[in-house]
Amino acid sequence: MSKIFIRFLIPLVLLDFGALPIRAQTDVAASLYGAFSGATNGNGVQESPSNAAGTLIELRHIRNPLVGYEATYSYNRANQAYSNLSAACPVGGTSPCTKTTAAISANAHEFTGDWVVSLKLANLRPFALAGGGALFDVPSAGTVSTTTCGVINPLCTPSTTSASVGTQTEAVFVYGAGVDWGLLPHLGLRLQYRGNFYKVPPLLNGFASTGVFTHAAEPMIGAYFRF
């Protein structure tokens, strides 16, 4: 009996694995998302990124439920605000106190490669992903505002100068989950959430970096075309 079962089972297993290339699929997708990051503090500096809208492009290949991969490119505005606050002016002290703030306009470009696992359920395909890549923050302009106050009967003197900025590259870890919803044989909607972990980029030259890691949440909606 067991020999009969084995003889029956082996062809089924071979047939299943042989059918994997038939179930393989490739698609390209475009999504819109919101990038939401919280303020970070470190080395006496507070960094506050602006929430922004962005675009994600994906090229994904699914071989089977456990083997899938994708290459992605995303873009969003990545304006940053910095502040460096000294201690309050001591009454009767001998040194002034200075408040320095900076506002930087920047763009963020991200390239990643991700591993994807998924499951086909009727016209739905839920999936999860994890991967990594590089995040390029490219500042375009900025200003630094400094306010210096005296100690006794404080007289404050403000000044504003152009910021010295520089492009920064940071490694990024990506994770996420979502679902593909097939509407037509080759077209559908892609709903997903992606999270990014990376080190806060020091875009402002001459200004101390927070030196800490941050997290960006990116809920998104898009459409895919399946070949």
Protein backbone atom coordinates (compact mmCIF):
# COMPACT_ATOMS: atom_id res chain seq x y z
CA MET A 1 0.00 0.00 0.00
CA SER A 2 2.79 2.40 0.93
CA LYS A 3 4.63 1.71 -2.34
CA ILE A 4 1.48 2.49 -4.31
CA PHE A 5 1.04 5.76 -2.37
CA ILE A 6 4.66 6.79 -3.00
CA ARG A 7 4.39 5.99 -6.70
CA PHE A 8 1.26 8.14 -6.85
CA LEU A 9 2.71 11.01 -4.77
CA ILE A 10 6.03 11.47 -6.56
CA PRO A 11 4.50 12.34 -9.96
CA LEU A 12 2.18 14.84 -8.28
CA VAL A 13 5.10 16.59 -6.55
CA LEU A 14 7.12 16.67 -9.75
CA LEU A 15 4.13 18.00 -11.65
CA ASP A 16 3.62 20.74 -9.05
CA PHE A 17 7.22 21.90 -9.19
CA GLY A 18 7.20 21.70 -12.94
CA ALA A 19 4.22 24.01 -13.02
CA LEU A 20 5.94 26.75 -11.00
CA PRO A 21 7.29 28.61 -14.06
CA ILE A 22 3.73 28.68 -15.45
CA ARG A 23 2.55 30.46 -12.30
CA ALA A 24 5.46 32.88 -12.40
CA GLN A 25 4.48 36.46 -13.10
CA THR A 26 6.08 39.83 -13.62
CA ASP A 27 4.47 43.20 -13.10
CA VAL A 28 5.25 46.88 -13.00
CA ALA A 29 3.44 49.20 -10.59
CA ALA A 30 3.20 52.88 -9.77
CA SER A 31 1.93 54.15 -6.42
CA LEU A 32 1.34 57.39 -4.57
CA TYR A 33 2.18 57.55 -0.89
CA GLY A 34 2.50 59.80 2.11
CA ALA A 35 5.82 59.87 4.00
CA PHE A 36 5.40 60.49 7.72
CA SER A 37 8.41 60.82 10.03
CA GLY A 38 8.73 62.03 13.60
CA ALA A 39 11.23 64.51 15.02
CA THR A 40 14.51 63.19 16.43
CA ASN A 41 16.86 64.56 19.06
CA GLY A 42 20.55 63.99 19.63
CA ASN A 43 23.80 65.88 20.30
CA GLY A 44 21.79 68.92 21.39
CA VAL A 45 20.05 69.12 18.02
CA GLN A 46 16.41 68.58 17.10
CA GLU A 47 15.66 67.52 13.52
CA SER A 48 12.08 67.76 12.24
CA PRO A 49 11.33 66.34 8.78
CA SER A 50 8.30 67.57 6.90
CA ASN A 51 5.55 65.13 5.97
CA ALA A 52 5.37 64.81 2.20
CA ALA A 53 3.75 63.03 -0.73
CA GLY A 54 5.78 60.77 -2.97
CA THR A 55 5.82 58.34 -5.89
CA LEU A 56 6.99 54.71 -5.93
CA ILE A 57 7.84 52.65 -9.03
CA GLU A 58 8.15 48.86 -8.66
CA LEU A 59 9.30 46.08 -10.97
CA ARG A 60 8.29 42.79 -9.32
CA HIS A 61 8.74 39.15 -10.29
CA ILE A 62 6.93 36.35 -8.44
CA ARG A 63 8.23 32.82 -9.09
CA ASN A 64 6.16 31.07 -6.44
CA PRO A 65 4.59 31.96 -3.06
CA LEU A 66 7.96 31.91 -1.23
CA VAL A 67 10.22 33.28 -3.95
CA GLY A 68 9.58 36.76 -5.23
CA TYR A 69 11.69 39.85 -5.59
CA GLU A 70 11.40 43.43 -6.71
CA ALA A 71 13.42 46.51 -7.54
CA THR A 72 12.00 49.88 -6.53
CA TYR A 73 12.61 53.58 -6.95
CA SER A 74 10.82 56.22 -4.91
CA TYR A 75 10.87 59.99 -4.74
CA ASN A 76 9.49 62.50 -2.27
CA ARG A 77 10.22 65.93 -0.93
CA ALA A 78 12.40 65.73 2.17
CA ASN A 79 12.49 69.21 3.69
CA GLN A 80 14.20 69.37 7.07
CA ALA A 81 14.08 71.81 9.98
CA TYR A 82 16.88 71.92 12.56
CA SER A 83 17.15 73.72 15.87
CA ASN A 84 20.05 74.00 18.28
CA LEU A 85 18.94 75.48 21.62
CA SER A 86 21.41 76.49 24.31
CA ALA A 87 20.47 76.82 27.95
CA ALA A 88 18.31 79.77 28.97
CA CYS A 89 20.18 83.01 29.59
CA PRO A 90 21.32 83.04 33.22
CA VAL A 91 20.41 86.25 35.07
CA GLY A 92 23.60 88.12 35.89
CA GLY A 93 25.69 85.66 33.90
CA THR A 94 28.69 86.47 31.83
CA SER A 95 27.84 84.74 28.54
CA PRO A 96 25.07 85.28 26.03
CA CYS A 97 22.71 82.57 24.85
CA THR A 98 22.15 81.71 21.22
CA LYS A 99 19.28 80.05 19.40
CA THR A 100 20.03 78.67 15.95
CA THR A 101 17.48 77.24 13.54
CA ALA A 102 17.76 76.08 9.95
CA ALA A 103 15.30 75.25 7.18
CA ILE A 104 16.49 73.04 4.33
CA SER A 105 14.70 72.23 1.08
CA ALA A 106 15.61 68.77 -0.20
CA ASN A 107 14.53 65.83 -2.34
CA ALA A 108 14.83 62.17 -1.35
CA HIS A 109 15.58 59.41 -3.89
CA GLU A 110 15.46 55.82 -2.70
CA PHE A 111 16.54 52.61 -4.48
CA THR A 112 15.85 49.21 -2.92
CA GLY A 113 15.84 45.51 -3.66
CA ASP A 114 13.24 43.50 -1.73
CA TRP A 115 12.29 39.89 -1.10
CA VAL A 116 8.57 39.23 -1.53
CA VAL A 117 6.39 36.37 -0.25
CA SER A 118 2.78 36.18 -1.39
CA LEU A 119 -0.31 34.00 -1.62
CA LYS A 120 -2.89 33.88 -4.42
CA LEU A 121 -6.49 33.87 -3.19
CA ALA A 122 -9.02 34.25 -6.01
CA ASN A 123 -8.43 37.77 -7.38
CA LEU A 124 -6.46 38.84 -4.29
CA ARG A 125 -2.76 38.37 -3.62
CA PRO A 126 -1.67 39.41 -0.10
CA PHE A 127 2.09 39.86 0.24
CA ALA A 128 4.84 40.79 2.67
CA LEU A 129 8.29 42.14 1.86
CA ALA A 130 11.65 43.03 3.38
CA GLY A 131 14.80 44.42 1.84
CA GLY A 132 17.28 47.23 1.77
CA GLY A 133 18.98 49.79 -0.37
CA ALA A 134 20.24 53.35 -0.47
CA LEU A 135 18.58 56.67 0.34
CA PHE A 136 19.95 59.78 -1.37
CA ASP A 137 18.99 63.11 0.22
CA VAL A 138 19.73 65.97 -2.16
CA PRO A 139 19.31 69.45 -0.65
CA SER A 140 18.69 72.36 -2.98
CA ALA A 141 18.78 75.42 -0.69
CA GLY A 142 18.33 76.53 2.88
CA THR A 143 18.71 79.28 5.44
CA VAL A 144 20.23 79.49 8.91
CA SER A 145 18.71 81.91 11.41
CA THR A 146 20.66 82.85 14.53
CA THR A 147 19.33 84.90 17.42
CA THR A 148 21.85 86.00 20.05
CA CYS A 149 20.60 87.52 23.29
CA GLY A 150 22.59 89.37 25.94
CA VAL A 151 22.57 88.34 29.58
CA ILE A 152 21.53 91.44 31.54
CA ASN A 153 18.32 93.04 30.21
CA PRO A 154 18.66 90.78 27.14
CA LEU A 155 18.93 92.50 23.82
CA CYS A 156 18.46 89.99 21.02
CA THR A 157 20.10 90.33 17.62
CA PRO A 158 18.75 88.16 14.79
CA SER A 159 20.64 87.29 11.63
CA THR A 160 19.90 85.07 8.63
CA THR A 161 22.38 83.57 6.19
CA SER A 162 22.32 81.06 3.37
CA ALA A 163 22.90 77.50 4.48
CA SER A 164 25.84 75.40 3.34
CA VAL A 165 24.33 72.04 2.43
CA GLY A 166 25.56 68.73 1.07
CA THR A 167 24.07 65.57 -0.45
CA GLN A 168 23.98 62.59 1.91
CA THR A 169 23.65 58.87 1.24
CA GLU A 170 22.30 56.53 3.91
CA ALA A 171 21.62 52.81 4.00
CA VAL A 172 17.92 52.02 4.43
CA PHE A 173 16.06 48.93 5.65
CA VAL A 174 12.58 48.42 4.18
CA TYR A 175 9.70 46.24 5.31
CA GLY A 176 6.06 46.16 4.34
CA ALA A 177 2.87 44.31 3.55
CA GLY A 178 -0.11 44.77 1.29
CA VAL A 179 -2.48 43.20 -1.18
CA ASP A 180 -2.91 43.14 -4.96
CA TRP A 181 -6.54 43.29 -6.04
CA GLY A 182 -7.05 42.07 -9.58
CA LEU A 183 -9.73 43.99 -11.49
CA LEU A 184 -8.91 42.85 -15.04
CA PRO A 185 -6.73 39.97 -16.30
CA HIS A 186 -3.61 42.18 -16.38
CA LEU A 187 -4.62 45.23 -14.33
CA GLY A 188 -5.32 45.77 -10.67
CA LEU A 189 -4.91 47.90 -7.57
CA ARG A 190 -2.03 47.60 -5.12
CA LEU A 191 -2.62 48.70 -1.53
CA GLN A 192 0.37 48.53 0.78
CA TYR A 193 2.23 49.91 3.75
CA ARG A 194 5.99 50.30 3.77
CA GLY A 195 8.28 51.33 6.60
CA ASN A 196 11.83 52.67 6.27
CA PHE A 197 14.59 52.65 8.89
CA TYR A 198 17.63 54.85 8.24
CA LYS A 199 20.06 57.19 9.95
CA VAL A 200 19.06 60.85 10.01
CA PRO A 201 21.04 62.53 7.20
CA PRO A 202 23.13 65.58 8.22
CA LEU A 203 22.26 67.88 5.32
CA LEU A 204 23.50 71.10 6.91
CA ASN A 205 27.26 71.60 6.89
CA GLY A 206 28.69 72.97 10.11
CA PHE A 207 25.63 71.90 12.10
CA ALA A 208 25.84 68.97 14.48
CA SER A 209 24.01 65.82 13.40
CA THR A 210 21.53 64.10 15.70
CA GLY A 211 23.40 60.86 14.98
CA VAL A 212 20.30 58.72 15.55
CA PHE A 213 18.10 56.44 13.47
CA THR A 214 14.56 57.31 12.44
CA HIS A 215 11.53 55.61 10.94
CA ALA A 216 9.34 56.76 8.06
CA ALA A 217 5.84 55.32 7.58
CA GLU A 218 4.53 55.20 4.02
CA PRO A 219 0.93 54.11 3.39
CA MET A 220 0.30 53.96 -0.35
CA ILE A 221 -2.13 53.14 -3.11
CA GLY A 222 -1.33 52.37 -6.72
CA ALA A 223 -1.98 50.30 -9.81
CA TYR A 224 -0.08 47.46 -11.42
CA PHE A 225 0.17 46.00 -14.91
CA ARG A 226 0.93 42.29 -15.03
CA PHE A 227 2.70 40.85 -18.10
